[in-house]
Each structure stands twice: as C-alpha cells, then as structure tokens.
Amino acid sequence: MLRFRNLGSGSAGNASVVEAGSGALVRRLLVDCGLGIRALDTRLAWAGLTASQIDAVFITHEHSDHIGCARQFAVRHAKPVWMSHGTWVGCGEPDLGGWYRQAQDMQPMDLGELQITPFTVPHDAREPLQLRCTDGARNLGILTDLGHATPHVLTHLQSCEALLLECNHDVDLLANSSYPPFLKKRVGGRHGHLSNEDAGQIARALDHPGLVHIVAAHLSRQNNRPDLARKALADALGGNPADIGVADQALGCDWVTL
C-alpha cells in the first residue's frame, strides 16, 4: 500500500508524509520539514503518527518554508536527512549530527518498502529536487516548487497514479496584487512558482487512465484561491473540480491512498 498526507502547504511551512508497506514493514518518509518542531509534532499527531515512526526526511531545497526544523528534528530523533549537496550548502552547511545524507538527481533511495527517485527542477534555489515515490506497484509524484516543467520533470512523473502538484498563483491575482514588481517577476518567472494554468498544462501532459488522485499544493494566500486551482486542474483533465484535493496551510490534507 502507498499513501500520503500533506501536513501543511504554503509559504508559512511545508511538510508531507509518504508511507508504504504494512505492519512491521511500513516505511515513512517526511518530505520537507518547514514547520516549527512543536507544530510538526502536532500535525504528525493529527495524522496518527509520532516522530519516532518517521524513518527518514527528504528536504527538497533550502528555502525556510521547506528546511524549517530539519536540523532539530534530525538531532532530536536520530533520523537521516536527505538533501542535495547544493541544498546543504545553501542552508549554511548545517551540522546534522552525522545524519546528513546526500541526494542526487536520478539516484534512487531505498527505504525498503518505499523507493524514492529525486529529480532536478527549475527553481531559484541551489540544487532543488522533487520526488517520485513508489512501493513497486503504485507511484506518487511530488512537484511543489518550480517555475516550469522541463522534459526531465515530465519524464520522471509519467504514469503516476497520484500527484501532489503546485498551484501557487492565479496569473491575474498575482498581477493585481500588492506584491512589488520584483517579487511578481520572481514568483511568475521561469524559476519561480507554477501558476494554476501551468499546473493544468502539467496535469494534462501527465494524464492517463491510471491517474486518479491530484492534490493542489503550495497555494498562495494572497494570489490564489482553492476554487480557482480546482477549476484549472479539472478543466485540464476534463473532470469535476470536486474531485481535486487541496492541501492548505492550516490543515494540509487527509490521507490519500493509492
């Protein structure tokens, strides 16, 4: 069995749990650690978990809403933390108490019942990576911080049964927001964040009969709305907006089982 649950998604902090296997063989990966340590413990408890049940952490990039309490979590709970060398340098080469593990593009990570393949994405960070996760039978694509989808990105997400997909902003809301011009340019740029329209195009490119779960993630509080993200993805897939999940900042989303 493969399932995932977002614990919080947005500029105030990001974290998700991916779980595979059952019973004594279950393995869990925490993807990003952008919440405070107490908030993370609370969100894990909402998911029916404790920190001791997490087997490893993967940090996608060094921005504070993703790195968060990773060092504190690793040292306190003696958990390996995977990130690219560029991400490690970008967050100041932290001492992770011997738990730092280097991740690289296209080099699979084996957690037993759960296998993870990182891949590079275009984002304004040192060496950002996103993920494809599998239990050997089902596949989840995590794609939450990038400015556009390269062929490399799309190749790694083919045939996924579920996607946690960034829908950061609505183009018109961003253009008319109070953001200063440099920030609008950064967010909407080729190494910034995906618009709803961008996400829809990606979903359309990855659509296949087995794609049954899409959760919109990393929505901007100021420059997007859940109904707009749902509509963009549903229109792209020819489906019903009610079938599109949304991970929000306060609650994340419920468990999604593939």
C-alpha atoms as a PDB file:
ATOM      1  CA  MET A   1       0.000   0.000   0.000  1.00  0.00           C
ATOM      2  CA  LEU A   2       1.165   3.517  -0.825  1.00  0.00           C
ATOM      3  CA  ARG A   3      -0.413   6.605   0.694  1.00  0.00           C
ATOM      4  CA  PHE A   4       0.446  10.204   1.511  1.00  0.00           C
ATOM      5  CA  ARG A   5      -0.745  13.061   3.659  1.00  0.00           C
ATOM      6  CA  ASN A   6       0.212  16.706   3.495  1.00  0.00           C
ATOM      7  CA  LEU A   7       0.714  18.292   6.922  1.00  0.00           C
ATOM      8  CA  GLY A   8       0.746  21.909   5.749  1.00  0.00           C
ATOM      9  CA  SER A   9       1.403  23.595   2.429  1.00  0.00           C
ATOM     10  CA  GLY A  10       2.216  27.217   1.680  1.00  0.00           C
ATOM     11  CA  SER A  11       4.731  29.967   2.294  1.00  0.00           C
ATOM     12  CA  ALA A  12       4.427  29.573   6.088  1.00  0.00           C
ATOM     13  CA  GLY A  13       5.705  25.996   6.043  1.00  0.00           C
ATOM     14  CA  ASN A  14       5.586  22.732   4.082  1.00  0.00           C
ATOM     15  CA  ALA A  15       5.684  19.086   5.119  1.00  0.00           C
ATOM     16  CA  SER A  16       4.214  15.824   3.816  1.00  0.00           C
ATOM     17  CA  VAL A  17       4.361  12.179   4.866  1.00  0.00           C
ATOM     18  CA  VAL A  18       4.652   9.357   2.328  1.00  0.00           C
ATOM     19  CA  GLU A  19       4.004   5.837   3.632  1.00  0.00           C
ATOM     20  CA  ALA A  20       4.422   2.407   2.058  1.00  0.00           C
ATOM     21  CA  GLY A  21       4.040  -1.143   3.294  1.00  0.00           C
ATOM     22  CA  SER A  22       2.059  -2.514   6.194  1.00  0.00           C
ATOM     23  CA  GLY A  23       2.585  -3.808   9.697  1.00  0.00           C
ATOM     24  CA  ALA A  24       6.188  -4.149  10.766  1.00  0.00           C
ATOM     25  CA  LEU A  25       7.347  -3.454   7.212  1.00  0.00           C
ATOM     26  CA  VAL A  26       5.787   0.007   6.891  1.00  0.00           C
ATOM     27  CA  ARG A  27       8.195   2.799   5.963  1.00  0.00           C
ATOM     28  CA  ARG A  28       7.554   6.538   6.181  1.00  0.00           C
ATOM     29  CA  LEU A  29       9.322   9.480   4.606  1.00  0.00           C
ATOM     30  CA  LEU A  30       8.815  13.061   5.760  1.00  0.00           C
ATOM     31  CA  VAL A  31       9.142  15.308   2.717  1.00  0.00           C
ATOM     32  CA  ASP A  32      10.236  18.769   3.844  1.00  0.00           C
ATOM     33  CA  CYS A  33      10.325  19.960   7.411  1.00  0.00           C
ATOM     34  CA  GLY A  34       9.224  23.565   7.064  1.00  0.00           C
ATOM     35  CA  LEU A  35       7.076  23.767  10.198  1.00  0.00           C
ATOM     36  CA  GLY A  36       8.296  24.522  13.706  1.00  0.00           C
ATOM     37  CA  ILE A  37       9.184  21.455  15.752  1.00  0.00           C
ATOM     38  CA  ARG A  38       6.111  21.726  18.001  1.00  0.00           C
ATOM     39  CA  ALA A  39       3.794  22.372  15.065  1.00  0.00           C
ATOM     40  CA  LEU A  40       5.293  19.401  13.237  1.00  0.00           C
ATOM     41  CA  ASP A  41       4.688  17.125  16.222  1.00  0.00           C
ATOM     42  CA  THR A  42       1.092  18.353  16.367  1.00  0.00           C
ATOM     43  CA  ARG A  43       0.497  17.797  12.657  1.00  0.00           C
ATOM     44  CA  LEU A  44       2.019  14.311  12.865  1.00  0.00           C
ATOM     45  CA  ALA A  45      -0.336  13.539  15.736  1.00  0.00           C
ATOM     46  CA  TRP A  46      -3.282  14.652  13.585  1.00  0.00           C
ATOM     47  CA  ALA A  47      -2.089  12.057  11.066  1.00  0.00           C
ATOM     48  CA  GLY A  48      -1.965   9.405  13.777  1.00  0.00           C
ATOM     49  CA  LEU A  49       1.840   9.386  13.884  1.00  0.00           C
ATOM     50  CA  THR A  50       4.753  10.312  16.107  1.00  0.00           C
ATOM     51  CA  ALA A  51       8.221  11.472  15.130  1.00  0.00           C
ATOM     52  CA  SER A  52       9.622   8.073  16.097  1.00  0.00           C
ATOM     53  CA  GLN A  53       7.584   6.493  13.284  1.00  0.00           C
ATOM     54  CA  ILE A  54       9.307   8.573  10.617  1.00  0.00           C
ATOM     55  CA  ASP A  55      12.170   6.642   9.006  1.00  0.00           C
ATOM     56  CA  ALA A  56      13.845   9.464   7.080  1.00  0.00           C
ATOM     57  CA  VAL A  57      13.470  13.079   5.995  1.00  0.00           C
ATOM     58  CA  PHE A  58      13.890  14.498   2.499  1.00  0.00           C
ATOM     59  CA  ILE A  59      14.453  18.234   2.025  1.00  0.00           C
ATOM     60  CA  THR A  60      13.617  19.483  -1.460  1.00  0.00           C
ATOM     61  CA  HIS A  61      15.523  22.779  -1.204  1.00  0.00           C
ATOM     62  CA  GLU A  62      16.913  25.300   1.267  1.00  0.00           C
ATOM     63  CA  HIS A  63      14.120  27.880   1.442  1.00  0.00           C
ATOM     64  CA  SER A  64      12.989  28.397   5.024  1.00  0.00           C
ATOM     65  CA  ASP A  65       9.436  27.159   4.427  1.00  0.00           C
ATOM     66  CA  HIS A  66      10.915  23.779   3.475  1.00  0.00           C
ATOM     67  CA  ILE A  67      14.061  23.376   5.594  1.00  0.00           C
ATOM     68  CA  GLY A  68      12.421  24.666   8.805  1.00  0.00           C
ATOM     69  CA  CYS A  69      13.220  22.462  11.790  1.00  0.00           C
ATOM     70  CA  ALA A  70      15.119  19.769   9.849  1.00  0.00           C
ATOM     71  CA  ARG A  71      18.295  20.063  11.910  1.00  0.00           C
ATOM     72  CA  GLN A  72      16.417  19.991  15.218  1.00  0.00           C
ATOM     73  CA  PHE A  73      14.303  17.052  14.062  1.00  0.00           C
ATOM     74  CA  ALA A  74      17.332  15.049  12.880  1.00  0.00           C
ATOM     75  CA  VAL A  75      19.352  15.571  16.046  1.00  0.00           C
ATOM     76  CA  ARG A  76      16.444  15.084  18.446  1.00  0.00           C
ATOM     77  CA  HIS A  77      15.087  11.936  16.797  1.00  0.00           C
ATOM     78  CA  ALA A  78      18.233  10.475  15.171  1.00  0.00           C
ATOM     79  CA  LYS A  79      16.756  10.393  11.671  1.00  0.00           C
ATOM     80  CA  PRO A  80      18.678  10.568   8.376  1.00  0.00           C
ATOM     81  CA  VAL A  81      18.045  13.750   6.403  1.00  0.00           C
ATOM     82  CA  TRP A  82      18.450  13.523   2.631  1.00  0.00           C
ATOM     83  CA  MET A  83      19.104  16.635   0.568  1.00  0.00           C
ATOM     84  CA  SER A  84      21.269  17.628  -2.370  1.00  0.00           C
ATOM     85  CA  HIS A  85      24.766  18.957  -1.767  1.00  0.00           C
ATOM     86  CA  GLY A  86      23.619  22.294  -3.145  1.00  0.00           C
ATOM     87  CA  THR A  87      20.746  22.425  -0.668  1.00  0.00           C
ATOM     88  CA  TRP A  88      23.092  21.586   2.213  1.00  0.00           C
ATOM     89  CA  VAL A  89      25.438  24.388   1.145  1.00  0.00           C
ATOM     90  CA  GLY A  90      22.520  26.728   0.544  1.00  0.00           C
ATOM     91  CA  CYS A  91      21.267  26.346   4.099  1.00  0.00           C
ATOM     92  CA  GLY A  92      24.717  27.014   5.583  1.00  0.00           C
ATOM     93  CA  GLU A  93      26.202  23.505   5.733  1.00  0.00           C
ATOM     94  CA  PRO A  94      24.415  22.634   8.988  1.00  0.00           C
ATOM     95  CA  ASP A  95      25.768  20.042  11.376  1.00  0.00           C
ATOM     96  CA  LEU A  96      23.060  17.398  11.349  1.00  0.00           C
ATOM     97  CA  GLY A  97      24.721  15.274  13.979  1.00  0.00           C
ATOM     98  CA  GLY A  98      26.019  12.784  11.439  1.00  0.00           C
ATOM     99  CA  TRP A  99      22.584  12.273   9.867  1.00  0.00           C
ATOM    100  CA  TYR A 100      23.139  14.178   6.615  1.00  0.00           C
ATOM    101  CA  ARG A 101      22.724  12.014   3.511  1.00  0.00           C
ATOM    102  CA  GLN A 102      23.440  13.386   0.041  1.00  0.00           C
ATOM    103  CA  ALA A 103      20.706  13.055  -2.561  1.00  0.00           C
ATOM    104  CA  GLN A 104      21.312  13.444  -6.289  1.00  0.00           C
ATOM    105  CA  ASP A 105      19.276  13.697  -9.443  1.00  0.00           C
ATOM    106  CA  MET A 106      18.130  10.279 -10.690  1.00  0.00           C
ATOM    107  CA  GLN A 107      19.842   8.334  -7.869  1.00  0.00           C
ATOM    108  CA  PRO A 108      17.166   6.173  -6.204  1.00  0.00           C
ATOM    109  CA  MET A 109      16.875   5.970  -2.433  1.00  0.00           C
ATOM    110  CA  ASP A 110      15.788   2.638  -0.976  1.00  0.00           C
ATOM    111  CA  LEU A 111      13.794   2.640   2.277  1.00  0.00           C
ATOM    112  CA  GLY A 112      12.736  -0.965   1.930  1.00  0.00           C
ATOM    113  CA  GLU A 113       9.029  -0.914   1.144  1.00  0.00           C
ATOM    114  CA  LEU A 114       9.368   2.647  -0.166  1.00  0.00           C
ATOM    115  CA  GLN A 115      11.639   3.724  -3.016  1.00  0.00           C
ATOM    116  CA  ILE A 116      12.250   7.370  -3.903  1.00  0.00           C
ATOM    117  CA  THR A 117      13.798   8.871  -7.013  1.00  0.00           C
ATOM    118  CA  PRO A 118      14.764  12.564  -6.823  1.00  0.00           C
ATOM    119  CA  PHE A 119      14.897  14.698  -9.961  1.00  0.00           C
ATOM    120  CA  THR A 120      16.070  18.246 -10.579  1.00  0.00           C
ATOM    121  CA  VAL A 121      13.620  21.075 -11.180  1.00  0.00           C
ATOM    122  CA  PRO A 122      13.987  24.724 -12.292  1.00  0.00           C
ATOM    123  CA  HIS A 123      13.577  26.802  -9.129  1.00  0.00           C
ATOM    124  CA  ASP A 124      15.516  29.677  -7.593  1.00  0.00           C
ATOM    125  CA  ALA A 125      17.482  27.514  -5.186  1.00  0.00           C
ATOM    126  CA  ARG A 126      20.981  25.975  -5.232  1.00  0.00           C
ATOM    127  CA  GLU A 127      20.133  22.402  -6.282  1.00  0.00           C
ATOM    128  CA  PRO A 128      16.401  21.765  -5.846  1.00  0.00           C
ATOM    129  CA  LEU A 129      14.968  18.284  -6.143  1.00  0.00           C
ATOM    130  CA  GLN A 130      11.442  16.940  -6.283  1.00  0.00           C
ATOM    131  CA  LEU A 131      10.377  13.309  -5.978  1.00  0.00           C
ATOM    132  CA  ARG A 132       8.781  10.234  -7.449  1.00  0.00           C
ATOM    133  CA  CYS A 133       7.805   7.724  -4.746  1.00  0.00           C
ATOM    134  CA  THR A 134       6.758   4.109  -5.248  1.00  0.00           C
ATOM    135  CA  ASP A 135       6.000   0.921  -3.380  1.00  0.00           C
ATOM    136  CA  GLY A 136       6.756  -1.040  -6.542  1.00  0.00           C
ATOM    137  CA  ALA A 137       3.131  -1.115  -7.664  1.00  0.00           C
ATOM    138  CA  ARG A 138       1.857   2.475  -7.330  1.00  0.00           C
ATOM    139  CA  ASN A 139       3.574   5.797  -7.953  1.00  0.00           C
ATOM    140  CA  LEU A 140       3.246   9.243  -6.405  1.00  0.00           C
ATOM    141  CA  GLY A 141       4.733  12.382  -7.943  1.00  0.00           C
ATOM    142  CA  ILE A 142       5.614  15.324  -5.685  1.00  0.00           C
ATOM    143  CA  LEU A 143       6.072  18.581  -7.568  1.00  0.00           C
ATOM    144  CA  THR A 144       5.629  21.624  -5.371  1.00  0.00           C
ATOM    145  CA  ASP A 145       8.288  24.279  -6.116  1.00  0.00           C
ATOM    146  CA  LEU A 146       9.325  25.106  -9.673  1.00  0.00           C
ATOM    147  CA  GLY A 147       8.811  27.745 -12.316  1.00  0.00           C
ATOM    148  CA  HIS A 148       8.082  25.467 -15.263  1.00  0.00           C
ATOM    149  CA  ALA A 149       8.146  21.801 -16.187  1.00  0.00           C
ATOM    150  CA  THR A 150      11.133  20.669 -18.221  1.00  0.00           C
ATOM    151  CA  PRO A 151      11.086  17.453 -20.283  1.00  0.00           C
ATOM    152  CA  HIS A 152      13.226  15.958 -17.491  1.00  0.00           C
ATOM    153  CA  VAL A 153      10.493  16.709 -14.955  1.00  0.00           C
ATOM    154  CA  LEU A 154       7.706  15.296 -17.107  1.00  0.00           C
ATOM    155  CA  THR A 155       9.686  12.149 -17.874  1.00  0.00           C
ATOM    156  CA  HIS A 156      10.048  11.353 -14.187  1.00  0.00           C
ATOM    157  CA  LEU A 157       6.360  11.806 -13.478  1.00  0.00           C
ATOM    158  CA  GLN A 158       4.928   9.679 -16.289  1.00  0.00           C
ATOM    159  CA  SER A 159       2.404   7.004 -15.251  1.00  0.00           C
ATOM    160  CA  CYS A 160       1.935   8.260 -11.688  1.00  0.00           C
ATOM    161  CA  GLU A 161      -1.330   7.298 -10.039  1.00  0.00           C
ATOM    162  CA  ALA A 162      -1.254  10.402  -7.812  1.00  0.00           C
ATOM    163  CA  LEU A 163       0.247  13.889  -7.912  1.00  0.00           C
ATOM    164  CA  LEU A 164       0.870  16.466  -5.203  1.00  0.00           C
ATOM    165  CA  LEU A 165       1.117  19.390  -7.610  1.00  0.00           C
ATOM    166  CA  GLU A 166       1.931  23.039  -7.023  1.00  0.00           C
ATOM    167  CA  CYS A 167      -0.781  25.551  -7.924  1.00  0.00           C
ATOM    168  CA  ASN A 168       0.863  28.606  -6.448  1.00  0.00           C
ATOM    169  CA  HIS A 169      -0.934  31.530  -8.039  1.00  0.00           C
ATOM    170  CA  ASP A 170      -3.596  32.805 -10.361  1.00  0.00           C
ATOM    171  CA  VAL A 171      -1.952  34.981 -13.010  1.00  0.00           C
ATOM    172  CA  ASP A 172      -4.490  37.808 -12.725  1.00  0.00           C
ATOM    173  CA  LEU A 173      -4.491  37.821  -8.924  1.00  0.00           C
ATOM    174  CA  LEU A 174      -0.690  37.980  -8.893  1.00  0.00           C
ATOM    175  CA  ALA A 175      -0.617  40.794 -11.473  1.00  0.00           C
ATOM    176  CA  ASN A 176      -3.092  42.863  -9.428  1.00  0.00           C
ATOM    177  CA  SER A 177      -1.657  42.040  -6.003  1.00  0.00           C
ATOM    178  CA  SER A 178       0.226  44.343  -3.656  1.00  0.00           C
ATOM    179  CA  TYR A 179       3.467  42.466  -4.311  1.00  0.00           C
ATOM    180  CA  PRO A 180       6.272  44.757  -5.514  1.00  0.00           C
ATOM    181  CA  PRO A 181       7.250  44.333  -9.188  1.00  0.00           C
ATOM    182  CA  PHE A 182      10.446  42.399  -8.431  1.00  0.00           C
ATOM    183  CA  LEU A 183       8.511  39.839  -6.384  1.00  0.00           C
ATOM    184  CA  LYS A 184       5.808  39.446  -9.026  1.00  0.00           C
ATOM    185  CA  LYS A 185       8.565  38.818 -11.560  1.00  0.00           C
ATOM    186  CA  ARG A 186      10.260  36.295  -9.301  1.00  0.00           C
ATOM    187  CA  VAL A 187       7.086  34.357  -8.447  1.00  0.00           C
ATOM    188  CA  GLY A 188       5.835  34.269 -12.039  1.00  0.00           C
ATOM    189  CA  GLY A 189       9.236  33.655 -13.595  1.00  0.00           C
ATOM    190  CA  ARG A 190      10.737  30.553 -15.144  1.00  0.00           C
ATOM    191  CA  HIS A 191      12.463  29.688 -11.856  1.00  0.00           C
ATOM    192  CA  GLY A 192       9.681  30.804  -9.541  1.00  0.00           C
ATOM    193  CA  HIS A 193       6.365  29.051  -8.926  1.00  0.00           C
ATOM    194  CA  LEU A 194       3.682  27.402 -11.024  1.00  0.00           C
ATOM    195  CA  SER A 195       0.503  29.260 -11.876  1.00  0.00           C
ATOM    196  CA  ASN A 196      -2.819  27.421 -11.972  1.00  0.00           C
ATOM    197  CA  GLU A 197      -2.565  27.448 -15.756  1.00  0.00           C
ATOM    198  CA  ASP A 198       0.952  25.981 -15.640  1.00  0.00           C
ATOM    199  CA  ALA A 199      -0.222  23.251 -13.278  1.00  0.00           C
ATOM    200  CA  GLY A 200      -3.120  22.463 -15.574  1.00  0.00           C
ATOM    201  CA  GLN A 201      -0.777  22.051 -18.522  1.00  0.00           C
ATOM    202  CA  ILE A 202       1.411  19.702 -16.491  1.00  0.00           C
ATOM    203  CA  ALA A 203      -1.596  17.675 -15.357  1.00  0.00           C
ATOM    204  CA  ARG A 204      -2.769  17.391 -18.960  1.00  0.00           C
ATOM    205  CA  ALA A 205       0.689  16.235 -20.067  1.00  0.00           C
ATOM    206  CA  LEU A 206       0.745  13.578 -17.348  1.00  0.00           C
ATOM    207  CA  ASP A 207      -2.872  12.434 -17.679  1.00  0.00           C
ATOM    208  CA  HIS A 208      -3.504   8.733 -18.244  1.00  0.00           C
ATOM    209  CA  PRO A 209      -6.262   6.321 -17.209  1.00  0.00           C
ATOM    210  CA  GLY A 210      -4.470   5.372 -14.011  1.00  0.00           C
ATOM    211  CA  LEU A 211      -4.091   8.936 -12.695  1.00  0.00           C
ATOM    212  CA  VAL A 212      -6.822   9.022 -10.051  1.00  0.00           C
ATOM    213  CA  HIS A 213      -5.636  11.454  -7.353  1.00  0.00           C
ATOM    214  CA  ILE A 214      -4.455  15.057  -7.732  1.00  0.00           C
ATOM    215  CA  VAL A 215      -3.914  17.357  -4.769  1.00  0.00           C
ATOM    216  CA  ALA A 216      -3.172  21.026  -5.430  1.00  0.00           C
ATOM    217  CA  ALA A 217      -0.422  22.347  -3.162  1.00  0.00           C
ATOM    218  CA  HIS A 218       1.545  25.456  -2.180  1.00  0.00           C
ATOM    219  CA  LEU A 219      -1.351  27.836  -2.879  1.00  0.00           C
ATOM    220  CA  SER A 220      -0.540  31.485  -2.233  1.00  0.00           C
ATOM    221  CA  ARG A 221      -2.803  33.008   0.406  1.00  0.00           C
ATOM    222  CA  GLN A 222      -2.862  36.327  -1.408  1.00  0.00           C
ATOM    223  CA  ASN A 223      -2.626  35.299  -5.054  1.00  0.00           C
ATOM    224  CA  ASN A 224      -4.800  32.205  -5.336  1.00  0.00           C
ATOM    225  CA  ARG A 225      -7.989  30.527  -4.167  1.00  0.00           C
ATOM    226  CA  PRO A 226      -8.815  26.823  -3.822  1.00  0.00           C
ATOM    227  CA  ASP A 227     -11.747  27.091  -6.228  1.00  0.00           C
ATOM    228  CA  LEU A 228      -9.508  28.571  -8.931  1.00  0.00           C
ATOM    229  CA  ALA A 229      -6.882  25.834  -8.504  1.00  0.00           C
ATOM    230  CA  ARG A 230      -9.510  23.101  -8.568  1.00  0.00           C
ATOM    231  CA  LYS A 231     -11.123  24.514 -11.696  1.00  0.00           C
ATOM    232  CA  ALA A 232      -7.816  24.833 -13.559  1.00  0.00           C
ATOM    233  CA  LEU A 233      -6.867  21.218 -12.867  1.00  0.00           C
ATOM    234  CA  ALA A 234     -10.345  19.868 -13.518  1.00  0.00           C
ATOM    235  CA  ASP A 235     -10.611  21.763 -16.805  1.00  0.00           C
ATOM    236  CA  ALA A 236      -7.237  20.394 -17.886  1.00  0.00           C
ATOM    237  CA  LEU A 237      -8.311  16.838 -17.142  1.00  0.00           C
ATOM    238  CA  GLY A 238     -11.915  17.094 -18.241  1.00  0.00           C
ATOM    239  CA  GLY A 239     -13.103  16.269 -14.750  1.00  0.00           C
ATOM    240  CA  ASN A 240     -15.063  17.640 -11.805  1.00  0.00           C
ATOM    241  CA  PRO A 241     -13.483  20.308  -9.552  1.00  0.00           C
ATOM    242  CA  ALA A 242     -14.905  18.460  -6.539  1.00  0.00           C
ATOM    243  CA  ASP A 243     -12.577  15.553  -7.338  1.00  0.00           C
ATOM    244  CA  ILE A 244      -9.455  17.728  -6.970  1.00  0.00           C
ATOM    245  CA  GLY A 245      -7.940  17.855  -3.491  1.00  0.00           C
ATOM    246  CA  VAL A 246      -6.313  20.924  -1.984  1.00  0.00           C
ATOM    247  CA  ALA A 247      -3.565  20.949   0.646  1.00  0.00           C
ATOM    248  CA  ASP A 248      -3.853  24.103   2.723  1.00  0.00           C
ATOM    249  CA  GLN A 249      -1.565  25.841   5.164  1.00  0.00           C
ATOM    250  CA  ALA A 250      -3.543  25.197   8.325  1.00  0.00           C
ATOM    251  CA  LEU A 251      -4.667  21.591   7.863  1.00  0.00           C
ATOM    252  CA  GLY A 252      -2.784  20.110   4.924  1.00  0.00           C
ATOM    253  CA  CYS A 253      -4.970  17.346   3.524  1.00  0.00           C
ATOM    254  CA  ASP A 254      -6.338  13.986   4.639  1.00  0.00           C
ATOM    255  CA  TRP A 255      -4.588  10.721   3.838  1.00  0.00           C
ATOM    256  CA  VAL A 256      -4.774   9.785   0.165  1.00  0.00           C
ATOM    257  CA  THR A 257      -4.415   6.070  -0.544  1.00  0.00           C
ATOM    258  CA  LEU A 258      -3.369   4.885  -3.981  1.00  0.00           C
END
